[in-house]
N, C-alpha and C. Protein backbone atom coordinates (compact mmCIF):
# COMPACT_ATOMS: atom_id res chain seq x y z
N MET A 1 122.60 108.90 94.22
CA MET A 1 121.65 109.31 95.26
C MET A 1 122.09 108.72 96.60
N ASP A 2 122.10 109.55 97.65
CA ASP A 2 122.50 109.03 98.95
C ASP A 2 121.31 108.40 99.68
N ARG A 3 121.60 107.79 100.80
CA ARG A 3 120.56 107.06 101.54
C ARG A 3 119.43 107.97 101.99
N ALA A 4 119.73 109.16 102.46
CA ALA A 4 118.69 110.07 102.94
C ALA A 4 117.71 110.41 101.83
N ALA A 5 118.23 110.66 100.63
CA ALA A 5 117.36 110.97 99.51
C ALA A 5 116.51 109.77 99.13
N ARG A 6 117.10 108.60 99.20
CA ARG A 6 116.35 107.39 98.87
C ARG A 6 115.24 107.15 99.89
N ILE A 7 115.52 107.36 101.16
CA ILE A 7 114.49 107.17 102.20
C ILE A 7 113.36 108.18 102.00
N ALA A 8 113.71 109.41 101.66
CA ALA A 8 112.69 110.43 101.43
C ALA A 8 111.76 110.02 100.29
N ARG A 9 112.32 109.49 99.23
CA ARG A 9 111.50 109.04 98.11
C ARG A 9 110.70 107.79 98.47
N PHE A 10 111.26 106.94 99.30
CA PHE A 10 110.52 105.77 99.76
C PHE A 10 109.27 106.21 100.51
N ARG A 11 109.40 107.20 101.38
CA ARG A 11 108.26 107.68 102.16
C ARG A 11 107.16 108.25 101.27
N GLU A 12 107.51 108.75 100.11
CA GLU A 12 106.52 109.32 99.20
C GLU A 12 105.78 108.25 98.40
N ALA A 13 106.33 107.04 98.34
CA ALA A 13 105.74 105.98 97.51
C ALA A 13 104.45 105.45 98.13
N ASP A 14 103.62 104.84 97.29
CA ASP A 14 102.38 104.25 97.78
C ASP A 14 102.38 102.74 97.55
N LEU A 15 102.28 102.34 96.29
CA LEU A 15 102.26 100.91 95.96
C LEU A 15 103.68 100.41 95.72
N TYR A 16 103.98 99.25 96.29
CA TYR A 16 105.31 98.63 96.21
C TYR A 16 105.10 97.30 95.48
N VAL A 17 105.50 97.24 94.24
CA VAL A 17 105.26 96.05 93.43
C VAL A 17 106.50 95.17 93.38
N VAL A 18 106.32 93.93 93.82
CA VAL A 18 107.38 92.93 93.84
C VAL A 18 107.21 92.04 92.62
N ILE A 19 108.23 91.97 91.79
CA ILE A 19 108.09 91.28 90.50
C ILE A 19 108.96 90.04 90.45
N THR A 20 108.30 88.91 90.24
CA THR A 20 108.93 87.62 90.02
C THR A 20 108.34 87.05 88.74
N GLU A 21 109.16 86.70 87.79
CA GLU A 21 108.63 86.29 86.49
C GLU A 21 107.68 85.09 86.60
N GLN A 22 107.91 84.22 87.56
CA GLN A 22 107.05 83.06 87.77
C GLN A 22 105.59 83.46 87.98
N PHE A 23 105.37 84.65 88.50
CA PHE A 23 104.02 85.10 88.81
C PHE A 23 103.53 86.19 87.85
N CYS A 24 104.08 86.20 86.63
CA CYS A 24 103.71 87.23 85.66
C CYS A 24 102.75 86.72 84.59
N ALA A 25 102.11 85.60 84.85
CA ALA A 25 101.05 85.07 83.96
C ALA A 25 101.53 84.88 82.53
N GLY A 26 102.74 84.33 82.40
CA GLY A 26 103.27 84.02 81.08
C GLY A 26 103.97 85.15 80.38
N ARG A 27 103.93 86.35 80.98
CA ARG A 27 104.63 87.49 80.40
C ARG A 27 106.04 87.58 80.97
N SER A 28 106.89 88.34 80.32
CA SER A 28 108.23 88.55 80.86
C SER A 28 108.15 89.53 82.02
N ALA A 29 109.09 89.42 82.93
CA ALA A 29 109.14 90.35 84.05
C ALA A 29 109.33 91.79 83.57
N LEU A 30 110.09 91.97 82.49
CA LEU A 30 110.32 93.32 81.98
C LEU A 30 109.05 93.91 81.37
N GLU A 31 108.25 93.08 80.73
CA GLU A 31 106.98 93.55 80.19
C GLU A 31 106.07 94.03 81.32
N VAL A 32 106.02 93.25 82.39
CA VAL A 32 105.22 93.65 83.55
C VAL A 32 105.79 94.91 84.19
N LEU A 33 107.11 94.97 84.32
CA LEU A 33 107.74 96.16 84.89
C LEU A 33 107.36 97.41 84.11
N ASP A 34 107.39 97.34 82.81
CA ASP A 34 107.06 98.51 81.99
C ASP A 34 105.63 98.97 82.27
N SER A 35 104.70 98.03 82.40
CA SER A 35 103.31 98.40 82.68
C SER A 35 103.17 99.00 84.07
N VAL A 36 103.90 98.46 85.02
CA VAL A 36 103.88 98.96 86.39
C VAL A 36 104.39 100.40 86.44
N LEU A 37 105.50 100.65 85.77
CA LEU A 37 106.06 102.00 85.75
C LEU A 37 105.14 102.96 85.01
N ASP A 38 104.48 102.48 83.97
CA ASP A 38 103.55 103.32 83.22
C ASP A 38 102.35 103.73 84.08
N ALA A 39 102.05 102.91 85.10
CA ALA A 39 100.95 103.22 86.03
C ALA A 39 101.38 104.19 87.13
N GLY A 40 102.63 104.63 87.09
CA GLY A 40 103.10 105.60 88.07
C GLY A 40 103.69 105.00 89.32
N VAL A 41 103.85 103.70 89.37
CA VAL A 41 104.47 103.06 90.53
C VAL A 41 105.94 103.47 90.57
N ARG A 42 106.39 103.88 91.75
CA ARG A 42 107.76 104.37 91.88
C ARG A 42 108.56 103.62 92.94
N LEU A 43 108.10 102.40 93.24
CA LEU A 43 108.82 101.53 94.18
C LEU A 43 108.63 100.10 93.72
N VAL A 44 109.73 99.48 93.30
CA VAL A 44 109.69 98.15 92.67
C VAL A 44 110.75 97.26 93.30
N GLN A 45 110.41 96.00 93.46
CA GLN A 45 111.40 95.03 93.95
C GLN A 45 111.66 93.96 92.88
N PHE A 46 112.93 93.69 92.66
CA PHE A 46 113.37 92.58 91.80
C PHE A 46 113.52 91.36 92.70
N ARG A 47 112.70 90.34 92.46
CA ARG A 47 112.70 89.15 93.34
C ARG A 47 112.76 87.89 92.48
N GLU A 48 113.97 87.38 92.29
CA GLU A 48 114.19 86.14 91.54
C GLU A 48 115.14 85.28 92.34
N LYS A 49 114.64 84.18 92.88
CA LYS A 49 115.43 83.36 93.79
C LYS A 49 116.09 82.17 93.12
N ASN A 50 115.74 81.88 91.87
CA ASN A 50 116.20 80.63 91.26
C ASN A 50 117.03 80.82 90.00
N LEU A 51 117.68 81.98 89.88
CA LEU A 51 118.53 82.25 88.72
C LEU A 51 120.00 82.14 89.10
N ASP A 52 120.82 81.74 88.15
CA ASP A 52 122.25 81.78 88.43
C ASP A 52 122.71 83.24 88.45
N ASP A 53 123.91 83.48 88.95
CA ASP A 53 124.37 84.85 89.16
C ASP A 53 124.40 85.66 87.88
N ALA A 54 124.85 85.06 86.80
CA ALA A 54 124.97 85.80 85.55
C ALA A 54 123.61 86.24 85.04
N GLU A 55 122.65 85.33 85.07
CA GLU A 55 121.31 85.67 84.59
C GLU A 55 120.64 86.67 85.52
N ALA A 56 120.81 86.49 86.82
CA ALA A 56 120.23 87.44 87.78
C ALA A 56 120.79 88.84 87.55
N TYR A 57 122.08 88.93 87.29
CA TYR A 57 122.69 90.24 87.05
C TYR A 57 122.12 90.89 85.80
N CYS A 58 122.03 90.14 84.73
CA CYS A 58 121.53 90.70 83.47
C CYS A 58 120.11 91.20 83.61
N ARG A 59 119.26 90.40 84.25
CA ARG A 59 117.86 90.81 84.40
C ARG A 59 117.72 91.99 85.35
N CYS A 60 118.49 91.96 86.43
CA CYS A 60 118.40 93.04 87.41
C CYS A 60 118.94 94.35 86.82
N ALA A 61 119.98 94.25 86.03
CA ALA A 61 120.53 95.44 85.37
C ALA A 61 119.50 96.07 84.44
N ALA A 62 118.72 95.24 83.75
CA ALA A 62 117.66 95.75 82.90
C ALA A 62 116.58 96.44 83.73
N PHE A 63 116.26 95.89 84.89
CA PHE A 63 115.33 96.54 85.81
C PHE A 63 115.88 97.90 86.23
N ARG A 64 117.18 97.95 86.53
CA ARG A 64 117.79 99.20 86.96
C ARG A 64 117.69 100.26 85.87
N GLU A 65 117.96 99.88 84.65
CA GLU A 65 117.91 100.83 83.53
C GLU A 65 116.51 101.43 83.41
N ARG A 66 115.49 100.58 83.49
CA ARG A 66 114.11 101.05 83.32
C ARG A 66 113.64 101.86 84.53
N THR A 67 113.95 101.40 85.74
CA THR A 67 113.50 102.14 86.92
C THR A 67 114.20 103.49 87.02
N ARG A 68 115.46 103.54 86.67
CA ARG A 68 116.16 104.82 86.71
C ARG A 68 115.54 105.80 85.72
N ALA A 69 115.23 105.34 84.53
CA ALA A 69 114.64 106.21 83.52
C ALA A 69 113.28 106.75 83.97
N ALA A 70 112.56 105.95 84.77
CA ALA A 70 111.23 106.35 85.23
C ALA A 70 111.27 107.12 86.55
N GLY A 71 112.44 107.24 87.16
CA GLY A 71 112.55 107.89 88.45
C GLY A 71 112.00 107.05 89.59
N ALA A 72 112.07 105.73 89.44
CA ALA A 72 111.55 104.81 90.45
C ALA A 72 112.68 104.19 91.26
N LEU A 73 112.39 103.87 92.49
CA LEU A 73 113.34 103.16 93.35
C LEU A 73 113.34 101.68 93.01
N LEU A 74 114.52 101.08 93.01
CA LEU A 74 114.66 99.65 92.78
C LEU A 74 115.25 99.00 94.03
N ILE A 75 114.50 98.06 94.59
CA ILE A 75 114.95 97.26 95.72
C ILE A 75 115.22 95.85 95.22
N VAL A 76 116.30 95.24 95.66
CA VAL A 76 116.65 93.87 95.26
C VAL A 76 116.39 92.94 96.44
N ASP A 77 115.70 91.85 96.20
CA ASP A 77 115.40 90.88 97.25
C ASP A 77 116.66 90.07 97.60
N ASP A 78 116.96 89.99 98.88
CA ASP A 78 117.98 89.09 99.45
C ASP A 78 119.44 89.49 99.19
N ARG A 79 119.75 89.92 97.97
CA ARG A 79 121.14 89.95 97.49
C ARG A 79 121.76 91.34 97.60
N VAL A 80 122.58 91.55 98.63
CA VAL A 80 123.30 92.82 98.76
C VAL A 80 124.30 92.97 97.61
N ASP A 81 124.96 91.89 97.25
CA ASP A 81 125.96 91.96 96.18
C ASP A 81 125.33 92.36 94.86
N LEU A 82 124.17 91.80 94.57
CA LEU A 82 123.49 92.13 93.32
C LEU A 82 122.99 93.57 93.33
N ALA A 83 122.47 94.01 94.46
CA ALA A 83 122.02 95.40 94.59
C ALA A 83 123.17 96.37 94.32
N LEU A 84 124.33 96.09 94.88
CA LEU A 84 125.49 96.94 94.65
C LEU A 84 125.97 96.86 93.20
N ALA A 85 125.93 95.67 92.63
CA ALA A 85 126.44 95.47 91.27
C ALA A 85 125.66 96.28 90.24
N VAL A 86 124.34 96.44 90.45
CA VAL A 86 123.53 97.17 89.47
C VAL A 86 123.23 98.60 89.91
N ASP A 87 123.80 99.01 91.05
CA ASP A 87 123.55 100.34 91.60
C ASP A 87 122.06 100.53 91.92
N ALA A 88 121.47 99.52 92.56
CA ALA A 88 120.08 99.61 93.01
C ALA A 88 119.97 100.59 94.18
N ASP A 89 118.75 100.87 94.58
CA ASP A 89 118.52 101.80 95.68
C ASP A 89 118.46 101.12 97.03
N GLY A 90 118.22 99.81 97.03
CA GLY A 90 118.11 99.14 98.32
C GLY A 90 118.08 97.64 98.18
N VAL A 91 118.01 97.00 99.34
CA VAL A 91 117.94 95.54 99.41
C VAL A 91 116.92 95.17 100.47
N HIS A 92 116.21 94.09 100.23
CA HIS A 92 115.23 93.62 101.20
C HIS A 92 115.70 92.28 101.76
N LEU A 93 115.79 92.20 103.07
CA LEU A 93 116.36 91.02 103.73
C LEU A 93 115.31 90.26 104.54
N GLY A 94 115.34 88.94 104.41
CA GLY A 94 114.49 88.09 105.22
C GLY A 94 115.19 87.69 106.50
N GLN A 95 114.49 86.92 107.32
CA GLN A 95 115.02 86.52 108.61
C GLN A 95 116.24 85.61 108.50
N THR A 96 116.42 84.94 107.37
CA THR A 96 117.56 84.03 107.21
C THR A 96 118.61 84.59 106.26
N ASP A 97 118.46 85.85 105.87
CA ASP A 97 119.45 86.48 105.00
C ASP A 97 120.56 87.14 105.82
N LEU A 98 121.44 87.82 105.14
CA LEU A 98 122.54 88.53 105.79
C LEU A 98 121.99 89.47 106.86
N PRO A 99 122.58 89.52 108.06
CA PRO A 99 122.09 90.42 109.09
C PRO A 99 122.12 91.88 108.64
N THR A 100 121.15 92.64 109.09
CA THR A 100 121.04 94.05 108.71
C THR A 100 122.31 94.82 109.05
N THR A 101 122.88 94.56 110.21
CA THR A 101 124.09 95.29 110.61
C THR A 101 125.24 95.03 109.65
N VAL A 102 125.36 93.81 109.17
CA VAL A 102 126.42 93.47 108.23
C VAL A 102 126.14 94.12 106.87
N ALA A 103 124.87 94.05 106.43
CA ALA A 103 124.50 94.67 105.16
C ALA A 103 124.76 96.17 105.19
N ARG A 104 124.48 96.81 106.32
CA ARG A 104 124.70 98.25 106.44
C ARG A 104 126.20 98.58 106.33
N HIS A 105 127.04 97.73 106.92
CA HIS A 105 128.49 97.94 106.84
C HIS A 105 128.97 97.83 105.40
N ILE A 106 128.43 96.87 104.67
CA ILE A 106 128.85 96.64 103.29
C ILE A 106 128.30 97.71 102.36
N ALA A 107 127.07 98.14 102.62
CA ALA A 107 126.37 99.02 101.69
C ALA A 107 125.71 100.18 102.45
N PRO A 108 126.50 101.14 102.90
CA PRO A 108 125.96 102.20 103.76
C PRO A 108 124.92 103.09 103.10
N ASP A 109 124.92 103.18 101.77
CA ASP A 109 123.98 104.08 101.09
C ASP A 109 122.70 103.39 100.62
N LEU A 110 122.60 102.08 100.81
CA LEU A 110 121.40 101.38 100.39
C LEU A 110 120.29 101.51 101.43
N ILE A 111 119.05 101.61 100.96
CA ILE A 111 117.90 101.38 101.83
C ILE A 111 117.91 99.90 102.19
N ILE A 112 117.71 99.60 103.46
CA ILE A 112 117.62 98.20 103.89
C ILE A 112 116.25 97.95 104.49
N GLY A 113 115.52 97.02 103.88
CA GLY A 113 114.23 96.59 104.40
C GLY A 113 114.35 95.23 105.05
N ALA A 114 113.46 94.96 106.00
CA ALA A 114 113.52 93.69 106.73
C ALA A 114 112.14 93.07 106.83
N SER A 115 112.04 91.81 106.48
CA SER A 115 110.78 91.07 106.65
C SER A 115 110.62 90.66 108.11
N THR A 116 109.44 90.93 108.67
CA THR A 116 109.16 90.56 110.05
C THR A 116 107.76 89.98 110.15
N HIS A 117 107.57 89.14 111.16
CA HIS A 117 106.30 88.44 111.31
C HIS A 117 105.63 88.69 112.66
N ASP A 118 106.36 89.36 113.56
CA ASP A 118 105.79 89.66 114.88
C ASP A 118 106.52 90.86 115.46
N LEU A 119 106.08 91.28 116.64
CA LEU A 119 106.63 92.49 117.25
C LEU A 119 108.12 92.34 117.58
N ASP A 120 108.51 91.20 118.11
CA ASP A 120 109.91 91.02 118.48
C ASP A 120 110.82 91.14 117.27
N GLU A 121 110.45 90.50 116.17
CA GLU A 121 111.28 90.58 114.97
C GLU A 121 111.33 92.02 114.44
N ALA A 122 110.20 92.71 114.50
CA ALA A 122 110.17 94.10 114.02
C ALA A 122 111.06 95.00 114.85
N LEU A 123 110.99 94.85 116.16
CA LEU A 123 111.82 95.68 117.03
C LEU A 123 113.30 95.35 116.86
N ASP A 124 113.62 94.07 116.69
CA ASP A 124 115.01 93.68 116.46
C ASP A 124 115.54 94.30 115.17
N ALA A 125 114.72 94.26 114.12
CA ALA A 125 115.15 94.82 112.83
C ALA A 125 115.34 96.32 112.92
N GLN A 126 114.43 96.99 113.60
CA GLN A 126 114.55 98.44 113.77
C GLN A 126 115.81 98.78 114.56
N GLN A 127 116.07 98.03 115.62
CA GLN A 127 117.25 98.27 116.43
C GLN A 127 118.53 98.03 115.62
N ALA A 128 118.48 97.09 114.71
CA ALA A 128 119.66 96.76 113.90
C ALA A 128 119.91 97.79 112.80
N GLY A 129 118.95 98.70 112.58
CA GLY A 129 119.16 99.76 111.60
C GLY A 129 118.41 99.64 110.30
N ALA A 130 117.37 98.79 110.26
CA ALA A 130 116.58 98.70 109.04
C ALA A 130 115.91 100.03 108.75
N ASP A 131 115.82 100.39 107.48
CA ASP A 131 115.20 101.65 107.07
C ASP A 131 113.69 101.52 106.94
N TYR A 132 113.22 100.31 106.70
CA TYR A 132 111.78 100.06 106.73
C TYR A 132 111.55 98.62 107.15
N ILE A 133 110.37 98.40 107.72
CA ILE A 133 109.99 97.08 108.21
C ILE A 133 108.83 96.58 107.37
N ASN A 134 108.89 95.33 106.94
CA ASN A 134 107.73 94.73 106.29
C ASN A 134 107.00 93.83 107.29
N ILE A 135 105.70 94.00 107.39
CA ILE A 135 104.85 93.18 108.26
C ILE A 135 104.08 92.21 107.37
N GLY A 136 104.18 90.92 107.68
CA GLY A 136 103.45 89.97 106.85
C GLY A 136 103.90 88.53 107.08
N PRO A 137 103.33 87.61 106.32
CA PRO A 137 102.26 87.84 105.37
C PRO A 137 100.93 88.14 106.07
N ILE A 138 100.24 89.19 105.62
CA ILE A 138 99.00 89.60 106.26
C ILE A 138 97.90 88.57 106.03
N PHE A 139 97.73 88.17 104.79
CA PHE A 139 96.75 87.14 104.43
C PHE A 139 97.49 85.96 103.82
N SER A 140 96.80 84.86 103.65
CA SER A 140 97.42 83.67 103.04
C SER A 140 97.86 84.01 101.62
N THR A 141 99.01 83.48 101.25
CA THR A 141 99.56 83.76 99.93
C THR A 141 100.42 82.60 99.47
N GLN A 142 100.50 82.41 98.16
CA GLN A 142 101.34 81.36 97.60
C GLN A 142 102.75 81.85 97.31
N THR A 143 102.98 83.15 97.42
CA THR A 143 104.28 83.69 97.02
C THR A 143 105.22 83.88 98.19
N LYS A 144 104.69 83.87 99.41
CA LYS A 144 105.54 84.12 100.57
C LYS A 144 104.88 83.51 101.78
N SER A 145 105.68 82.94 102.68
CA SER A 145 105.11 82.32 103.87
C SER A 145 105.91 82.72 105.09
N GLY A 146 105.20 82.90 106.18
CA GLY A 146 105.85 83.16 107.46
C GLY A 146 105.96 81.87 108.25
N PRO A 147 106.65 81.90 109.39
CA PRO A 147 106.84 80.69 110.16
C PRO A 147 105.54 80.11 110.71
N ALA A 148 104.50 80.96 110.85
CA ALA A 148 103.23 80.47 111.37
C ALA A 148 102.09 80.82 110.43
N GLY A 149 102.39 80.98 109.13
CA GLY A 149 101.37 81.33 108.17
C GLY A 149 101.01 82.80 108.26
N ALA A 150 99.80 83.13 107.79
CA ALA A 150 99.35 84.53 107.77
C ALA A 150 99.26 85.08 109.19
N VAL A 151 99.73 86.31 109.35
CA VAL A 151 99.72 86.93 110.68
C VAL A 151 98.45 87.72 110.94
N GLY A 152 97.70 88.03 109.88
CA GLY A 152 96.45 88.76 110.02
C GLY A 152 96.65 90.26 110.07
N PRO A 153 95.64 91.03 109.63
CA PRO A 153 95.77 92.50 109.63
C PRO A 153 95.91 93.09 111.02
N GLY A 154 95.45 92.38 112.05
CA GLY A 154 95.60 92.89 113.41
C GLY A 154 97.04 93.06 113.84
N MET A 155 97.97 92.34 113.18
CA MET A 155 99.39 92.46 113.53
C MET A 155 99.90 93.88 113.26
N ILE A 156 99.29 94.57 112.32
CA ILE A 156 99.69 95.96 112.03
C ILE A 156 99.51 96.81 113.28
N GLU A 157 98.39 96.65 113.94
CA GLU A 157 98.09 97.46 115.13
C GLU A 157 99.00 97.09 116.31
N ILE A 158 99.52 95.88 116.30
CA ILE A 158 100.44 95.46 117.36
C ILE A 158 101.83 96.05 117.13
N ILE A 159 102.27 96.06 115.88
CA ILE A 159 103.64 96.46 115.57
C ILE A 159 103.79 97.95 115.31
N ALA A 160 102.91 98.53 114.52
CA ALA A 160 103.09 99.90 114.02
C ALA A 160 103.33 100.94 115.11
N PRO A 161 102.64 100.91 116.24
CA PRO A 161 102.86 101.96 117.25
C PRO A 161 104.28 102.01 117.81
N HIS A 162 105.04 100.93 117.62
CA HIS A 162 106.38 100.84 118.18
C HIS A 162 107.47 101.20 117.17
N LEU A 163 107.08 101.54 115.95
CA LEU A 163 108.07 101.78 114.90
C LEU A 163 108.38 103.26 114.73
N ARG A 164 109.66 103.54 114.52
CA ARG A 164 110.12 104.89 114.20
C ARG A 164 110.44 105.02 112.71
N VAL A 165 110.41 103.90 112.00
CA VAL A 165 110.71 103.88 110.57
C VAL A 165 109.45 103.50 109.81
N PRO A 166 109.39 103.77 108.50
CA PRO A 166 108.21 103.38 107.72
C PRO A 166 108.03 101.86 107.73
N PHE A 167 106.80 101.44 107.48
CA PHE A 167 106.55 100.00 107.36
C PHE A 167 105.72 99.72 106.12
N THR A 168 105.94 98.55 105.56
CA THR A 168 105.13 98.06 104.46
C THR A 168 104.35 96.86 104.95
N CYS A 169 103.27 96.54 104.25
CA CYS A 169 102.50 95.34 104.53
C CYS A 169 102.43 94.51 103.26
N MET A 170 102.52 93.21 103.41
CA MET A 170 102.57 92.34 102.24
C MET A 170 101.93 90.99 102.57
N GLY A 171 101.46 90.33 101.53
CA GLY A 171 100.97 88.97 101.68
C GLY A 171 99.48 88.87 101.43
N GLY A 172 99.10 88.47 100.23
CA GLY A 172 97.70 88.22 99.92
C GLY A 172 96.83 89.46 99.84
N ILE A 173 97.43 90.63 99.74
CA ILE A 173 96.64 91.87 99.69
C ILE A 173 96.12 92.07 98.26
N LYS A 174 94.81 92.23 98.16
CA LYS A 174 94.12 92.44 96.89
C LYS A 174 93.23 93.66 97.00
N ILE A 175 92.65 94.07 95.90
CA ILE A 175 91.77 95.23 95.93
C ILE A 175 90.57 94.99 96.85
N GLU A 176 90.12 93.74 96.96
CA GLU A 176 88.94 93.46 97.77
C GLU A 176 89.21 93.44 99.27
N ASN A 177 90.48 93.35 99.67
CA ASN A 177 90.77 93.36 101.12
C ASN A 177 91.75 94.46 101.54
N ILE A 178 92.15 95.31 100.60
CA ILE A 178 93.14 96.32 100.94
C ILE A 178 92.65 97.27 102.02
N HIS A 179 91.32 97.46 102.11
CA HIS A 179 90.78 98.35 103.14
C HIS A 179 91.10 97.85 104.55
N GLU A 180 91.31 96.54 104.69
CA GLU A 180 91.59 95.97 106.01
C GLU A 180 92.97 96.36 106.53
N VAL A 181 93.89 96.65 105.63
CA VAL A 181 95.21 97.13 106.06
C VAL A 181 95.27 98.66 106.09
N LEU A 182 94.60 99.30 105.15
CA LEU A 182 94.58 100.76 105.15
C LEU A 182 93.89 101.31 106.38
N SER A 183 92.82 100.66 106.81
CA SER A 183 92.08 101.14 107.98
C SER A 183 92.87 100.98 109.27
N ARG A 184 93.94 100.21 109.22
CA ARG A 184 94.80 100.00 110.40
C ARG A 184 96.08 100.84 110.31
N GLY A 185 96.12 101.76 109.38
CA GLY A 185 97.23 102.70 109.32
C GLY A 185 98.31 102.40 108.31
N ALA A 186 98.17 101.32 107.53
CA ALA A 186 99.17 101.01 106.51
C ALA A 186 99.09 102.03 105.38
N ARG A 187 100.23 102.49 104.91
CA ARG A 187 100.29 103.47 103.84
C ARG A 187 101.19 103.04 102.69
N HIS A 188 102.00 102.03 102.90
CA HIS A 188 102.88 101.50 101.86
C HIS A 188 102.51 100.03 101.68
N ILE A 189 101.86 99.71 100.59
CA ILE A 189 101.30 98.37 100.39
C ILE A 189 102.11 97.62 99.34
N ALA A 190 102.65 96.47 99.73
CA ALA A 190 103.45 95.65 98.83
C ALA A 190 102.59 94.49 98.29
N VAL A 191 102.67 94.29 96.99
CA VAL A 191 101.89 93.23 96.36
C VAL A 191 102.74 92.52 95.32
N VAL A 192 102.33 91.29 95.03
CA VAL A 192 102.92 90.54 93.92
C VAL A 192 101.81 90.29 92.90
N THR A 193 101.09 89.19 93.09
CA THR A 193 100.15 88.74 92.05
C THR A 193 98.97 89.66 91.82
N ALA A 194 98.59 90.46 92.81
CA ALA A 194 97.47 91.40 92.61
C ALA A 194 97.73 92.31 91.43
N VAL A 195 99.01 92.52 91.12
CA VAL A 195 99.39 93.32 89.95
C VAL A 195 100.01 92.45 88.88
N THR A 196 101.02 91.66 89.22
CA THR A 196 101.81 90.98 88.18
C THR A 196 101.05 89.88 87.47
N SER A 197 100.03 89.30 88.11
CA SER A 197 99.23 88.26 87.46
C SER A 197 97.91 88.78 86.90
N ALA A 198 97.66 90.07 87.04
CA ALA A 198 96.41 90.64 86.57
C ALA A 198 96.35 90.64 85.04
N PRO A 199 95.17 90.46 84.46
CA PRO A 199 95.06 90.53 83.00
C PRO A 199 95.55 91.86 82.44
N ASP A 200 95.26 92.94 83.15
CA ASP A 200 95.71 94.28 82.76
C ASP A 200 96.55 94.82 83.91
N VAL A 201 97.85 94.70 83.79
CA VAL A 201 98.77 95.07 84.87
C VAL A 201 98.65 96.55 85.20
N ARG A 202 98.64 97.38 84.21
CA ARG A 202 98.57 98.83 84.45
C ARG A 202 97.28 99.20 85.17
N ALA A 203 96.17 98.66 84.74
CA ALA A 203 94.89 98.98 85.36
C ALA A 203 94.84 98.50 86.80
N ALA A 204 95.40 97.31 87.07
CA ALA A 204 95.40 96.79 88.43
C ALA A 204 96.24 97.67 89.35
N ALA A 205 97.39 98.11 88.86
CA ALA A 205 98.24 98.98 89.67
C ALA A 205 97.56 100.32 89.93
N LEU A 206 96.92 100.89 88.92
CA LEU A 206 96.22 102.15 89.10
C LEU A 206 95.08 102.03 90.10
N GLU A 207 94.36 100.93 90.05
CA GLU A 207 93.24 100.72 90.98
C GLU A 207 93.74 100.64 92.42
N LEU A 208 94.83 99.93 92.64
CA LEU A 208 95.40 99.82 93.98
C LEU A 208 95.96 101.15 94.46
N ARG A 209 96.61 101.88 93.57
CA ARG A 209 97.14 103.20 93.95
C ARG A 209 96.01 104.15 94.33
N ASP A 210 94.91 104.07 93.61
CA ASP A 210 93.76 104.92 93.93
C ASP A 210 93.19 104.55 95.30
N ALA A 211 93.14 103.25 95.60
CA ALA A 211 92.63 102.82 96.91
C ALA A 211 93.53 103.32 98.03
N ILE A 212 94.85 103.28 97.82
CA ILE A 212 95.78 103.76 98.83
C ILE A 212 95.61 105.26 99.03
N ALA A 213 95.45 105.99 97.94
CA ALA A 213 95.26 107.44 98.04
C ALA A 213 94.00 107.77 98.84
N ARG A 214 92.92 107.01 98.60
CA ARG A 214 91.69 107.24 99.36
C ARG A 214 91.90 106.91 100.83
N GLY A 215 92.64 105.83 101.09
CA GLY A 215 92.90 105.43 102.47
C GLY A 215 93.72 106.47 103.20
N ARG A 216 94.64 107.11 102.52
CA ARG A 216 95.46 108.16 103.15
C ARG A 216 94.64 109.41 103.45
N ARG A 217 93.60 109.65 102.67
CA ARG A 217 92.76 110.81 102.91
C ARG A 217 91.76 110.59 104.05
N ASP A 218 91.38 109.35 104.25
CA ASP A 218 90.34 109.04 105.26
C ASP A 218 90.88 109.17 106.69
């Protein structure tokens, strides 16, 4: 699949589930992934920061096998090399990771996402060629932190009008506060524990997807 096709499918996605085994409530990441895919989620991120290369490759390759079978996009956190090694659909880069321009040179067909915390970072990432921008962390979260903590849902209204590419929102988003981002124009919602730590992963993903669908209609 080429980059244009991947971007088109990204735009169609609703819920973006980021999976780290540490936050899977004692279950394996693959078990959670299977439930997420069964709920119809078609955008998944493999996010494991503390594995050696061999183990990261094996686990990510298993993610690739399952996401490909389900017709879902697989994004790899931080690692362009790992994304290429497993034939993932994209890579998500933080402010201290490989520059977007360099990643694009190495991997021209990958979707490249960029984490941003304010307007300047978002505009810089867009100018550098990011295919999507992540705004966050919106609310306080234990899984991800920005340089000044939570940026608040109001940051969406500051950044979004200036973007020509899709954006995701992430950080502490739960079913009880998702309306605060949807009402500000967010349409691609990224979550970790709201799904991966839920007692019923499939049900949690379905509930969030339904909320996003309602938000898109309003």
